[in-house]
PDB file of N, CA and C in Angstrom:
ATOM      1  N   MET A   1      89.870 -32.290 -25.875  1.00  0.00           N
ATOM      2  CA  MET A   1      90.812 -33.280 -26.214  1.00  0.00           C
ATOM      3  C   MET A   1      90.695 -34.493 -25.234  1.00  0.00           C
ATOM      4  N   GLY A   2      90.996 -34.114 -23.914  1.00  0.00           N
ATOM      5  CA  GLY A   2      91.000 -35.239 -23.112  1.00  0.00           C
ATOM      6  C   GLY A   2      89.519 -36.240 -23.091  1.00  0.00           C
ATOM      7  N   LEU A   3      88.431 -35.485 -23.333  1.00  0.00           N
ATOM      8  CA  LEU A   3      87.158 -36.306 -23.195  1.00  0.00           C
ATOM      9  C   LEU A   3      87.088 -37.172 -24.408  1.00  0.00           C
ATOM     10  N   SER A   4      87.636 -36.560 -25.481  1.00  0.00           N
ATOM     11  CA  SER A   4      87.667 -37.238 -26.815  1.00  0.00           C
ATOM     12  C   SER A   4      88.296 -38.567 -26.972  1.00  0.00           C
ATOM     13  N   VAL A   5      89.590 -38.617 -26.405  1.00  0.00           N
ATOM     14  CA  VAL A   5      90.280 -39.598 -26.094  1.00  0.00           C
ATOM     15  C   VAL A   5      89.684 -40.937 -25.095  1.00  0.00           C
ATOM     16  N   VAL A   6      89.001 -40.171 -24.039  1.00  0.00           N
ATOM     17  CA  VAL A   6      88.496 -41.266 -23.092  1.00  0.00           C
ATOM     18  C   VAL A   6      87.316 -41.903 -23.846  1.00  0.00           C
ATOM     19  N   SER A   7      86.444 -41.150 -24.701  1.00  0.00           N
ATOM     20  CA  SER A   7      85.512 -41.683 -25.553  1.00  0.00           C
ATOM     21  C   SER A   7      85.874 -42.836 -26.504  1.00  0.00           C
ATOM     22  N   GLN A   8      87.179 -42.331 -27.065  1.00  0.00           N
ATOM     23  CA  GLN A   8      87.470 -43.344 -27.993  1.00  0.00           C
ATOM     24  C   GLN A   8      88.080 -44.768 -27.445  1.00  0.00           C
ATOM     25  N   VAL A   9      88.646 -44.529 -26.157  1.00  0.00           N
ATOM     26  CA  VAL A   9      89.287 -45.596 -25.333  1.00  0.00           C
ATOM     27  C   VAL A   9      88.092 -46.676 -25.101  1.00  0.00           C
ATOM     28  N   PHE A  10      86.734 -45.879 -24.621  1.00  0.00           N
ATOM     29  CA  PHE A  10      85.987 -46.746 -24.186  1.00  0.00           C
ATOM     30  C   PHE A  10      85.008 -47.477 -25.335  1.00  0.00           C
ATOM     31  N   SER A  11      84.730 -46.447 -26.419  1.00  0.00           N
ATOM     32  CA  SER A  11      84.289 -47.384 -27.723  1.00  0.00           C
ATOM     33  C   SER A  11      85.246 -48.384 -28.281  1.00  0.00           C
ATOM     34  N   GLY A  12      86.376 -48.255 -28.113  1.00  0.00           N
ATOM     35  CA  GLY A  12      87.260 -49.417 -28.560  1.00  0.00           C
ATOM     36  C   GLY A  12      87.036 -50.522 -27.660  1.00  0.00           C
ATOM     37  N   VAL A  13      86.954 -50.401 -26.388  1.00  0.00           N
ATOM     38  CA  VAL A  13      86.881 -51.387 -25.533  1.00  0.00           C
ATOM     39  C   VAL A  13      85.487 -52.117 -25.800  1.00  0.00           C
ATOM     40  N   ALA A  14      84.321 -51.271 -26.088  1.00  0.00           N
ATOM     41  CA  ALA A  14      82.909 -51.702 -26.295  1.00  0.00           C
ATOM     42  C   ALA A  14      82.869 -52.580 -27.802  1.00  0.00           C
ATOM     43  N   ASN A  15      83.658 -52.057 -28.621  1.00  0.00           N
ATOM     44  CA  ASN A  15      83.538 -52.702 -30.091  1.00  0.00           C
ATOM     45  C   ASN A  15      84.563 -54.358 -29.719  1.00  0.00           C
ATOM     46  N   ALA A  16      85.381 -54.339 -28.833  1.00  0.00           N
ATOM     47  CA  ALA A  16      86.073 -55.447 -28.698  1.00  0.00           C
ATOM     48  C   ALA A  16      85.308 -56.402 -27.912  1.00  0.00           C
ATOM     49  N   LEU A  17      84.660 -55.872 -27.005  1.00  0.00           N
ATOM     50  CA  LEU A  17      83.685 -56.533 -26.171  1.00  0.00           C
ATOM     51  C   LEU A  17      82.426 -57.174 -26.858  1.00  0.00           C
ATOM     52  N   SER A  18      82.005 -56.520 -27.940  1.00  0.00           N
ATOM     53  CA  SER A  18      80.722 -56.580 -28.472  1.00  0.00           C
ATOM     54  C   SER A  18      80.732 -58.084 -29.353  1.00  0.00           C
ATOM     55  N   GLY A  19      81.894 -58.683 -29.682  1.00  0.00           N
ATOM     56  CA  GLY A  19      82.096 -59.826 -30.455  1.00  0.00           C
ATOM     57  C   GLY A  19      82.235 -60.774 -29.466  1.00  0.00           C
ATOM     58  N   ALA A  20      82.324 -60.597 -28.052  1.00  0.00           N
ATOM     59  CA  ALA A  20      82.760 -61.665 -26.853  1.00  0.00           C
ATOM     60  C   ALA A  20      81.220 -62.139 -26.676  1.00  0.00           C
ATOM     61  N   GLY A  21      81.344 -63.475 -26.538  1.00  0.00           N
ATOM     62  CA  GLY A  21      80.042 -64.140 -25.836  1.00  0.00           C
ATOM     63  C   GLY A  21      80.164 -65.200 -24.973  1.00  0.00           C
ATOM     64  N   GLY A  22      79.309 -65.701 -24.534  1.00  0.00           N
ATOM     65  CA  GLY A  22      79.272 -66.694 -23.610  1.00  0.00           C
ATOM     66  C   GLY A  22      79.695 -66.416 -22.218  1.00  0.00           C
ATOM     67  N   ALA A  23      80.211 -67.668 -21.414  1.00  0.00           N
ATOM     68  CA  ALA A  23      80.733 -67.570 -20.086  1.00  0.00           C
ATOM     69  C   ALA A  23      81.499 -66.494 -19.939  1.00  0.00           C
ATOM     70  N   GLY A  24      82.720 -66.356 -20.870  1.00  0.00           N
ATOM     71  CA  GLY A  24      83.952 -65.556 -20.864  1.00  0.00           C
ATOM     72  C   GLY A  24      83.429 -64.334 -20.334  1.00  0.00           C
ATOM     73  N   ALA A  25      82.432 -63.856 -21.418  1.00  0.00           N
ATOM     74  CA  ALA A  25      82.087 -62.442 -21.119  1.00  0.00           C
ATOM     75  C   ALA A  25      81.172 -62.075 -20.124  1.00  0.00           C
ATOM     76  N   ILE A  26      80.222 -63.128 -19.753  1.00  0.00           N
ATOM     77  CA  ILE A  26      79.766 -62.636 -18.470  1.00  0.00           C
ATOM     78  C   ILE A  26      80.669 -62.745 -17.422  1.00  0.00           C
ATOM     79  N   LEU A  27      81.566 -63.736 -17.073  1.00  0.00           N
ATOM     80  CA  LEU A  27      82.318 -63.524 -15.862  1.00  0.00           C
ATOM     81  C   LEU A  27      83.335 -62.223 -15.954  1.00  0.00           C
ATOM     82  N   PHE A  28      83.530 -61.879 -17.301  1.00  0.00           N
ATOM     83  CA  PHE A  28      84.197 -60.469 -17.370  1.00  0.00           C
ATOM     84  C   PHE A  28      83.638 -59.582 -16.674  1.00  0.00           C
ATOM     85  N   PHE A  29      81.957 -59.255 -16.874  1.00  0.00           N
ATOM     86  CA  PHE A  29      81.194 -58.152 -16.564  1.00  0.00           C
ATOM     87  C   PHE A  29      81.245 -58.353 -15.142  1.00  0.00           C
ATOM     88  N   ILE A  30      80.990 -59.584 -14.596  1.00  0.00           N
ATOM     89  CA  ILE A  30      80.704 -59.656 -13.339  1.00  0.00           C
ATOM     90  C   ILE A  30      82.126 -59.201 -12.509  1.00  0.00           C
ATOM     91  N   GLY A  31      83.159 -59.557 -12.985  1.00  0.00           N
ATOM     92  CA  GLY A  31      84.381 -59.068 -12.338  1.00  0.00           C
ATOM     93  C   GLY A  31      84.457 -57.563 -12.253  1.00  0.00           C
ATOM     94  N   LEU A  32      84.281 -57.388 -13.450  1.00  0.00           N
ATOM     95  CA  LEU A  32      84.302 -55.569 -13.772  1.00  0.00           C
ATOM     96  C   LEU A  32      83.522 -55.026 -12.928  1.00  0.00           C
ATOM     97  N   SER A  33      82.144 -55.423 -12.744  1.00  0.00           N
ATOM     98  CA  SER A  33      81.295 -54.832 -11.675  1.00  0.00           C
ATOM     99  C   SER A  33      81.731 -54.967 -10.247  1.00  0.00           C
ATOM    100  N   ILE A  34      82.311 -56.028  -9.616  1.00  0.00           N
ATOM    101  CA  ILE A  34      82.478 -56.128  -8.508  1.00  0.00           C
ATOM    102  C   ILE A  34      83.920 -55.066  -8.225  1.00  0.00           C
ATOM    103  N   ILE A  35      84.716 -54.913  -9.039  1.00  0.00           N
ATOM    104  CA  ILE A  35      85.797 -54.030  -8.921  1.00  0.00           C
ATOM    105  C   ILE A  35      85.303 -52.593  -8.972  1.00  0.00           C
ATOM    106  N   LEU A  36      84.571 -52.242  -9.833  1.00  0.00           N
ATOM    107  CA  LEU A  36      83.651 -51.035  -9.665  1.00  0.00           C
ATOM    108  C   LEU A  36      82.831 -50.607  -8.307  1.00  0.00           C
ATOM    109  N   VAL A  37      82.217 -51.849  -7.951  1.00  0.00           N
ATOM    110  CA  VAL A  37      81.584 -51.485  -6.600  1.00  0.00           C
ATOM    111  C   VAL A  37      82.569 -51.492  -5.425  1.00  0.00           C
ATOM    112  N   ILE A  38      83.679 -52.083  -5.234  1.00  0.00           N
ATOM    113  CA  ILE A  38      84.646 -51.808  -4.513  1.00  0.00           C
ATOM    114  C   ILE A  38      85.337 -50.447  -4.256  1.00  0.00           C
ATOM    115  N   ALA A  39      85.541 -50.256  -5.782  1.00  0.00           N
ATOM    116  CA  ALA A  39      86.241 -48.523  -5.996  1.00  0.00           C
ATOM    117  C   ALA A  39      85.214 -47.422  -5.567  1.00  0.00           C
ATOM    118  N   LEU A  40      83.969 -47.604  -5.749  1.00  0.00           N
ATOM    119  CA  LEU A  40      82.975 -46.606  -5.491  1.00  0.00           C
ATOM    120  C   LEU A  40      82.569 -46.686  -3.647  1.00  0.00           C
ATOM    121  N   SER A  41      82.946 -48.028  -3.154  1.00  0.00           N
ATOM    122  CA  SER A  41      82.627 -47.979  -1.804  1.00  0.00           C
ATOM    123  C   SER A  41      83.915 -47.303  -1.154  1.00  0.00           C
ATOM    124  N   LEU A  42      85.196 -47.465  -1.749  1.00  0.00           N
ATOM    125  CA  LEU A  42      86.222 -47.002  -1.125  1.00  0.00           C
ATOM    126  C   LEU A  42      85.902 -45.185  -1.359  1.00  0.00           C
ATOM    127  N   LEU A  43      85.691 -45.179  -2.367  1.00  0.00           N
ATOM    128  CA  LEU A  43      85.462 -43.596  -2.557  1.00  0.00           C
ATOM    129  C   LEU A  43      84.437 -42.812  -1.640  1.00  0.00           C
ATOM    130  N   VAL A  44      83.252 -43.437  -1.512  1.00  0.00           N
ATOM    131  CA  VAL A  44      82.491 -43.141  -0.308  1.00  0.00           C
ATOM    132  C   VAL A  44      83.054 -43.132   1.085  1.00  0.00           C
ATOM    133  N   ILE A  45      83.693 -43.986   1.299  1.00  0.00           N
ATOM    134  CA  ILE A  45      84.208 -44.362   2.634  1.00  0.00           C
ATOM    135  C   ILE A  45      85.170 -43.047   3.033  1.00  0.00           C
ATOM    136  N   GLY A  46      86.209 -42.583   1.843  1.00  0.00           N
ATOM    137  CA  GLY A  46      87.111 -41.550   1.924  1.00  0.00           C
ATOM    138  C   GLY A  46      86.599 -40.306   1.986  1.00  0.00           C
ATOM    139  N   LEU A  47      85.551 -40.154   1.106  1.00  0.00           N
ATOM    140  CA  LEU A  47      84.768 -38.788   1.571  1.00  0.00           C
ATOM    141  C   LEU A  47      84.125 -38.613   2.800  1.00  0.00           C
ATOM    142  N   VAL A  48      83.622 -39.837   3.192  1.00  0.00           N
ATOM    143  CA  VAL A  48      82.924 -39.501   4.723  1.00  0.00           C
ATOM    144  C   VAL A  48      83.977 -39.226   5.835  1.00  0.00           C
ATOM    145  N   ARG A  49      85.149 -40.032   5.945  1.00  0.00           N
ATOM    146  CA  ARG A  49      86.104 -39.649   6.603  1.00  0.00           C
ATOM    147  C   ARG A  49      86.815 -38.293   6.660  1.00  0.00           C
ATOM    148  N   LEU A  50      86.746 -37.867   5.503  1.00  0.00           N
ATOM    149  CA  LEU A  50      87.210 -36.535   5.169  1.00  0.00           C
ATOM    150  C   LEU A  50      86.343 -35.312   5.459  1.00  0.00           C
ATOM    151  N   ILE A  51      85.076 -35.695   5.305  1.00  0.00           N
ATOM    152  CA  ILE A  51      83.915 -34.886   5.951  1.00  0.00           C
ATOM    153  C   ILE A  51      84.140 -34.791   7.522  1.00  0.00           C
ATOM    154  N   LYS A  52      84.381 -36.043   8.219  1.00  0.00           N
ATOM    155  CA  LYS A  52      84.458 -36.082   9.681  1.00  0.00           C
ATOM    156  C   LYS A  52      85.813 -35.115  10.217  1.00  0.00           C
ATOM    157  N   ALA A  53      86.710 -35.482   9.160  1.00  0.00           N
ATOM    158  CA  ALA A  53      88.012 -34.721   9.628  1.00  0.00           C
ATOM    159  C   ALA A  53      88.139 -33.219   9.779  1.00  0.00           C
ATOM    160  N   LEU A  54      87.167 -32.549   8.612  1.00  0.00           N
ATOM    161  CA  LEU A  54      87.337 -31.147   8.565  1.00  0.00           C
ATOM    162  C   LEU A  54      87.030 -30.307   9.697  1.00  0.00           C
ATOM    163  N   PRO A  55      86.141 -30.562  10.468  1.00  0.00           N
ATOM    164  CA  PRO A  55      86.117 -29.546  11.747  1.00  0.00           C
ATOM    165  C   PRO A  55      87.309 -29.812  12.636  1.00  0.00           C
ATOM    166  N   ASN A  56      87.955 -30.916  12.941  1.00  0.00           N
ATOM    167  CA  ASN A  56      89.044 -30.963  13.759  1.00  0.00           C
ATOM    168  C   ASN A  56      90.677 -30.771  13.081  1.00  0.00           C
ATOM    169  N   MET A  57      90.510 -30.231  11.938  1.00  0.00           N
ATOM    170  CA  MET A  57      91.678 -29.854  11.154  1.00  0.00           C
ATOM    171  C   MET A  57      92.525 -28.670  11.588  1.00  0.00           C
ATOM    172  N   SER A  58      93.473 -28.556  11.530  1.00  0.00           N
ATOM    173  CA  SER A  58      94.497 -27.206  11.897  1.00  0.00           C
ATOM    174  C   SER A  58      94.399 -26.499  10.896  1.00  0.00           C
ATOM    175  N   VAL A  59      94.666 -25.094  10.776  1.00  0.00           N
ATOM    176  CA  VAL A  59      94.707 -24.175   9.572  1.00  0.00           C
ATOM    177  C   VAL A  59      95.489 -24.768   8.630  1.00  0.00           C
ATOM    178  N   SER A  60      96.637 -25.075   8.913  1.00  0.00           N
ATOM    179  CA  SER A  60      97.791 -25.812   8.089  1.00  0.00           C
ATOM    180  C   SER A  60      97.300 -26.675   7.246  1.00  0.00           C
ATOM    181  N   GLY A  61      96.479 -27.762   8.058  1.00  0.00           N
ATOM    182  CA  GLY A  61      95.978 -28.826   7.315  1.00  0.00           C
ATOM    183  C   GLY A  61      94.843 -28.738   6.219  1.00  0.00           C
ATOM    184  N   PHE A  62      94.197 -27.695   6.803  1.00  0.00           N
ATOM    185  CA  PHE A  62      93.153 -26.989   5.964  1.00  0.00           C
ATOM    186  C   PHE A  62      93.685 -26.649   4.582  1.00  0.00           C
ATOM    187  N   LEU A  63      94.511 -25.580   4.923  1.00  0.00           N
ATOM    188  CA  LEU A  63      95.390 -25.115   3.606  1.00  0.00           C
ATOM    189  C   LEU A  63      95.897 -25.974   2.596  1.00  0.00           C
ATOM    190  N   LYS A  64      96.603 -26.939   3.273  1.00  0.00           N
ATOM    191  CA  LYS A  64      97.094 -28.227   2.587  1.00  0.00           C
ATOM    192  C   LYS A  64      96.071 -28.736   1.565  1.00  0.00           C
ATOM    193  N   LEU A  65      94.799 -29.031   2.241  1.00  0.00           N
ATOM    194  CA  LEU A  65      93.874 -29.774   1.492  1.00  0.00           C
ATOM    195  C   LEU A  65      93.344 -28.822   0.602  1.00  0.00           C
ATOM    196  N   MET A  66      93.214 -27.610   0.566  1.00  0.00           N
ATOM    197  CA  MET A  66      92.669 -26.611  -0.366  1.00  0.00           C
ATOM    198  C   MET A  66      93.778 -26.434  -1.389  1.00  0.00           C
ATOM    199  N   ILE A  67      95.144 -26.454  -1.113  1.00  0.00           N
ATOM    200  CA  ILE A  67      96.172 -26.472  -2.090  1.00  0.00           C
ATOM    201  C   ILE A  67      95.901 -27.773  -3.003  1.00  0.00           C
ATOM    202  N   VAL A  68      95.754 -28.796  -2.638  1.00  0.00           N
ATOM    203  CA  VAL A  68      95.775 -30.406  -2.931  1.00  0.00           C
ATOM    204  C   VAL A  68      94.507 -30.052  -4.267  1.00  0.00           C
ATOM    205  N   THR A  69      93.089 -29.731  -3.519  1.00  0.00           N
ATOM    206  CA  THR A  69      92.039 -29.551  -4.252  1.00  0.00           C
ATOM    207  C   THR A  69      92.089 -28.544  -5.419  1.00  0.00           C
ATOM    208  N   ALA A  70      92.791 -27.503  -5.238  1.00  0.00           N
ATOM    209  CA  ALA A  70      92.923 -26.477  -6.348  1.00  0.00           C
ATOM    210  C   ALA A  70      93.833 -27.254  -7.351  1.00  0.00           C
ATOM    211  N   SER A  71      95.004 -27.888  -6.986  1.00  0.00           N
ATOM    212  CA  SER A  71      95.733 -28.494  -7.859  1.00  0.00           C
ATOM    213  C   SER A  71      95.037 -29.398  -8.770  1.00  0.00           C
ATOM    214  N   VAL A  72      94.329 -30.322  -8.079  1.00  0.00           N
ATOM    215  CA  VAL A  72      93.723 -31.269  -8.846  1.00  0.00           C
ATOM    216  C   VAL A  72      92.567 -30.775  -9.930  1.00  0.00           C
ATOM    217  N   LEU A  73      91.960 -29.750  -9.231  1.00  0.00           N
ATOM    218  CA  LEU A  73      91.038 -29.313 -10.176  1.00  0.00           C
ATOM    219  C   LEU A  73      91.668 -28.474 -11.328  1.00  0.00           C
ATOM    220  N   ILE A  74      92.751 -27.695 -11.404  1.00  0.00           N
ATOM    221  CA  ILE A  74      93.614 -27.202 -12.409  1.00  0.00           C
ATOM    222  C   ILE A  74      93.818 -28.257 -13.575  1.00  0.00           C
ATOM    223  N   VAL A  75      94.510 -29.418 -12.844  1.00  0.00           N
ATOM    224  CA  VAL A  75      94.752 -30.295 -13.677  1.00  0.00           C
ATOM    225  C   VAL A  75      93.506 -31.048 -14.760  1.00  0.00           C
ATOM    226  N   LEU A  76      92.529 -31.195 -14.024  1.00  0.00           N
ATOM    227  CA  LEU A  76      91.363 -31.504 -14.782  1.00  0.00           C
ATOM    228  C   LEU A  76      90.931 -30.348 -15.520  1.00  0.00           C
ATOM    229  N   GLY A  77      90.875 -29.226 -15.181  1.00  0.00           N
ATOM    230  CA  GLY A  77      90.726 -28.333 -16.267  1.00  0.00           C
ATOM    231  C   GLY A  77      91.589 -28.178 -17.808  1.00  0.00           C
ATOM    232  N   LEU A  78      92.802 -28.591 -17.342  1.00  0.00           N
ATOM    233  CA  LEU A  78      93.708 -28.791 -18.401  1.00  0.00           C
ATOM    234  C   LEU A  78      93.437 -29.954 -19.120  1.00  0.00           C
ATOM    235  N   ILE A  79      92.992 -31.100 -18.527  1.00  0.00           N
ATOM    236  CA  ILE A  79      92.896 -32.048 -19.454  1.00  0.00           C
ATOM    237  C   ILE A  79      91.359 -31.950 -20.043  1.00  0.00           C
ATOM    238  N   LEU A  80      90.340 -31.545 -19.398  1.00  0.00           N
ATOM    239  CA  LEU A  80      89.007 -31.529 -19.980  1.00  0.00           C
ATOM    240  C   LEU A  80      88.722 -30.135 -20.394  1.00  0.00           C
ATOM    241  N   PRO A  81      89.021 -29.976 -21.624  1.00  0.00           N
ATOM    242  CA  PRO A  81      88.673 -28.398 -22.127  1.00  0.00           C
ATOM    243  C   PRO A  81      87.109 -28.114 -22.217  1.00  0.00           C
TER     244      PRO A  81
END
């Protein structure tokens, strides 16, 4: 259910952008790629900081991290059947 909705959204955006051309489309894709690179770099930085912080975590902090991770996985499991 969730994956099909995401697929429909991406196909709708692709159909809308397929008719676009010229300098506007090029600028749109350049801006989108810059945003994606920034988001990916922030994700990598966050993961590196998390890995560095794991050995210094207290037991309660580690348990909180595991509860949050389990909750995220449960929600993803419900969204993506």
